[in-house]
């Protein structure tokens, strides 16, 4: 997977949105598939047009979150890949504090997604941050 900086550079290099969509889809092809046993109702993200599953696991020794995300739609898998470059292996504190709207603005992403896709992307971010906040709260109690 490319880094976030590499994704931004590629977006700058590709001046046509059709090419950017192809790039986003290619990013999604590089993601591992989520195991079938995790594709269950409780892992579904509400508010997405496509089916999107999410599982967060906290690794206490490293204070980092491991995220598994998957979708049944190619473009959404690509958007997931972008989110993974931001959130994967970060601490719950960092995930909660991350300004993803700035990234979306830098990539000019929301103005080129359908309203439903944009809402689904926001729903994924909300779910990731919500679960990371839950992990923070659990850590504070322990």
Protein backbone atom coordinates (compact mmCIF):
# COMPACT_ATOMS: atom_id res chain seq x y z
CA UNK A 1 0.00 0.00 0.00
CA UNK A 2 1.25 3.49 -0.77
CA UNK A 3 1.69 6.08 1.94
CA UNK A 4 -0.70 8.98 2.34
CA UNK A 5 1.90 11.30 0.80
CA UNK A 6 2.20 9.00 -2.22
CA UNK A 7 -1.57 9.00 -2.64
CA UNK A 8 -1.63 12.81 -2.50
CA UNK A 9 1.21 13.03 -5.05
CA UNK A 10 -0.58 10.63 -7.39
CA UNK A 11 -3.79 12.65 -7.10
CA UNK A 12 -1.83 15.80 -8.03
CA UNK A 13 -0.22 14.00 -10.98
CA UNK A 14 -3.55 12.68 -12.30
CA UNK A 15 -5.47 15.71 -13.47
CA UNK A 16 -8.49 13.82 -14.80
CA UNK A 17 -11.04 12.47 -12.32
CA UNK A 18 -11.64 9.38 -14.42
CA UNK A 19 -7.97 8.51 -13.91
CA UNK A 20 -8.28 9.27 -10.20
CA UNK A 21 -11.29 6.94 -9.91
CA UNK A 22 -9.29 4.18 -11.62
CA UNK A 23 -6.46 4.83 -9.17
CA UNK A 24 -8.85 4.66 -6.20
CA UNK A 25 -10.22 1.35 -7.50
CA UNK A 26 -6.67 0.02 -7.94
CA UNK A 27 -5.90 0.95 -4.32
CA UNK A 28 -8.86 -1.13 -3.22
CA UNK A 29 -7.66 -4.14 -5.20
CA UNK A 30 -4.57 -4.19 -2.99
CA UNK A 31 -6.55 -4.69 0.20
CA UNK A 32 -6.82 -8.13 1.75
CA UNK A 33 -10.32 -9.57 1.89
CA UNK A 34 -11.96 -9.71 5.28
CA UNK A 35 -12.52 -13.28 6.49
CA UNK A 36 -16.09 -14.45 5.94
CA UNK A 37 -16.64 -15.04 9.67
CA UNK A 38 -16.18 -11.29 10.29
CA UNK A 39 -18.72 -10.28 7.63
CA UNK A 40 -21.57 -10.29 10.10
CA UNK A 41 -24.39 -7.89 10.89
CA UNK A 42 -22.76 -6.33 13.96
CA UNK A 43 -19.69 -5.37 11.89
CA UNK A 44 -21.72 -3.63 9.17
CA UNK A 45 -21.36 0.13 8.90
CA UNK A 46 -24.75 1.83 8.91
CA UNK A 47 -25.29 4.67 6.47
CA UNK A 48 -23.36 3.17 3.55
CA UNK A 49 -24.97 2.53 0.19
CA UNK A 50 -22.72 -0.51 -0.26
CA UNK A 51 -22.05 -3.24 2.25
CA UNK A 52 -19.12 -2.20 4.44
CA UNK A 53 -17.76 -4.21 7.36
CA UNK A 54 -15.40 -2.92 10.02
CA UNK A 55 -13.53 -4.57 12.87
CA UNK A 56 -11.13 -2.77 15.20
CA UNK A 57 -8.74 -4.59 17.50
CA UNK A 58 -6.66 -2.82 20.13
CA UNK A 59 -3.09 -3.95 20.68
CA UNK A 60 -2.44 -2.78 24.20
CA UNK A 61 1.33 -3.48 24.22
CA UNK A 62 1.85 -1.15 21.24
CA UNK A 63 -1.03 1.25 21.99
CA UNK A 64 -2.26 0.88 18.45
CA UNK A 65 -5.40 -0.11 16.64
CA UNK A 66 -5.52 -2.72 13.91
CA UNK A 67 -8.40 -2.11 11.55
CA UNK A 68 -10.04 -4.50 9.13
CA UNK A 69 -12.39 -2.95 6.61
CA UNK A 70 -14.01 -4.46 3.55
CA UNK A 71 -16.77 -3.72 1.06
CA UNK A 72 -18.64 -5.37 -1.75
CA UNK A 73 -18.03 -2.34 -4.05
CA UNK A 74 -14.77 -1.64 -5.89
CA UNK A 75 -14.77 2.15 -5.45
CA UNK A 76 -15.59 1.80 -1.74
CA UNK A 77 -12.71 -0.63 -1.27
CA UNK A 78 -10.48 2.09 -2.74
CA UNK A 79 -11.86 4.70 -0.34
CA UNK A 80 -11.25 2.20 2.46
CA UNK A 81 -7.63 1.90 1.33
CA UNK A 82 -7.24 5.67 1.69
CA UNK A 83 -8.75 5.55 5.18
CA UNK A 84 -6.41 2.71 6.10
CA UNK A 85 -3.37 4.86 5.26
CA UNK A 86 -4.66 7.38 7.80
CA UNK A 87 -5.90 5.18 10.63
CA UNK A 88 -4.12 1.80 10.49
CA UNK A 89 -1.77 1.11 13.42
CA UNK A 90 -2.44 4.45 15.09
CA UNK A 91 -3.23 4.94 18.76
CA UNK A 92 -6.87 5.46 19.73
CA UNK A 93 -5.96 9.04 20.74
CA UNK A 94 -4.51 9.78 17.32
CA UNK A 95 -7.49 8.24 15.51
CA UNK A 96 -9.97 10.32 17.48
CA UNK A 97 -7.97 13.52 16.89
CA UNK A 98 -7.33 12.96 13.15
CA UNK A 99 -8.75 15.68 10.88
CA UNK A 100 -9.94 13.55 8.00
CA UNK A 101 -12.01 16.39 6.54
CA UNK A 102 -8.76 18.18 5.73
CA UNK A 103 -7.55 15.12 3.82
CA UNK A 104 -10.84 14.94 1.91
CA UNK A 105 -10.46 18.63 1.10
CA UNK A 106 -6.81 18.22 0.03
CA UNK A 107 -7.83 15.43 -2.35
CA UNK A 108 -11.00 17.31 -3.44
CA UNK A 109 -12.71 14.01 -2.82
CA UNK A 110 -16.17 14.90 -1.54
CA UNK A 111 -17.03 17.12 -4.49
CA UNK A 112 -16.35 14.20 -6.84
CA UNK A 113 -18.27 11.50 -4.99
CA UNK A 114 -22.00 10.99 -5.18
CA UNK A 115 -23.92 12.19 -2.13
CA UNK A 116 -24.53 8.57 -1.09
CA UNK A 117 -20.84 7.64 -1.43
CA UNK A 118 -19.81 10.77 0.49
CA UNK A 119 -22.25 9.96 3.28
CA UNK A 120 -21.00 6.38 3.35
CA UNK A 121 -17.40 7.59 3.63
CA UNK A 122 -18.36 9.86 6.52
CA UNK A 123 -20.18 6.94 8.16
CA UNK A 124 -17.02 4.82 7.94
CA UNK A 125 -14.95 7.59 9.53
CA UNK A 126 -17.56 8.13 12.23
CA UNK A 127 -17.61 4.41 13.08
CA UNK A 128 -13.79 4.20 13.22
CA UNK A 129 -13.58 7.24 15.49
CA UNK A 130 -16.49 6.05 17.64
CA UNK A 131 -14.88 2.65 18.21
CA UNK A 132 -11.48 4.26 18.85
CA UNK A 133 -13.14 6.50 21.45
CA UNK A 134 -14.58 3.37 23.07
CA UNK A 135 -11.09 1.88 23.21
CA UNK A 136 -9.80 5.10 24.82
CA UNK A 137 -12.56 4.94 27.40
CA UNK A 138 -11.81 1.28 28.20
CA UNK A 139 -8.11 2.09 28.56
CA UNK A 140 -8.92 4.95 30.97
CA UNK A 141 -11.03 2.63 33.15
CA UNK A 142 -8.40 -0.12 33.29
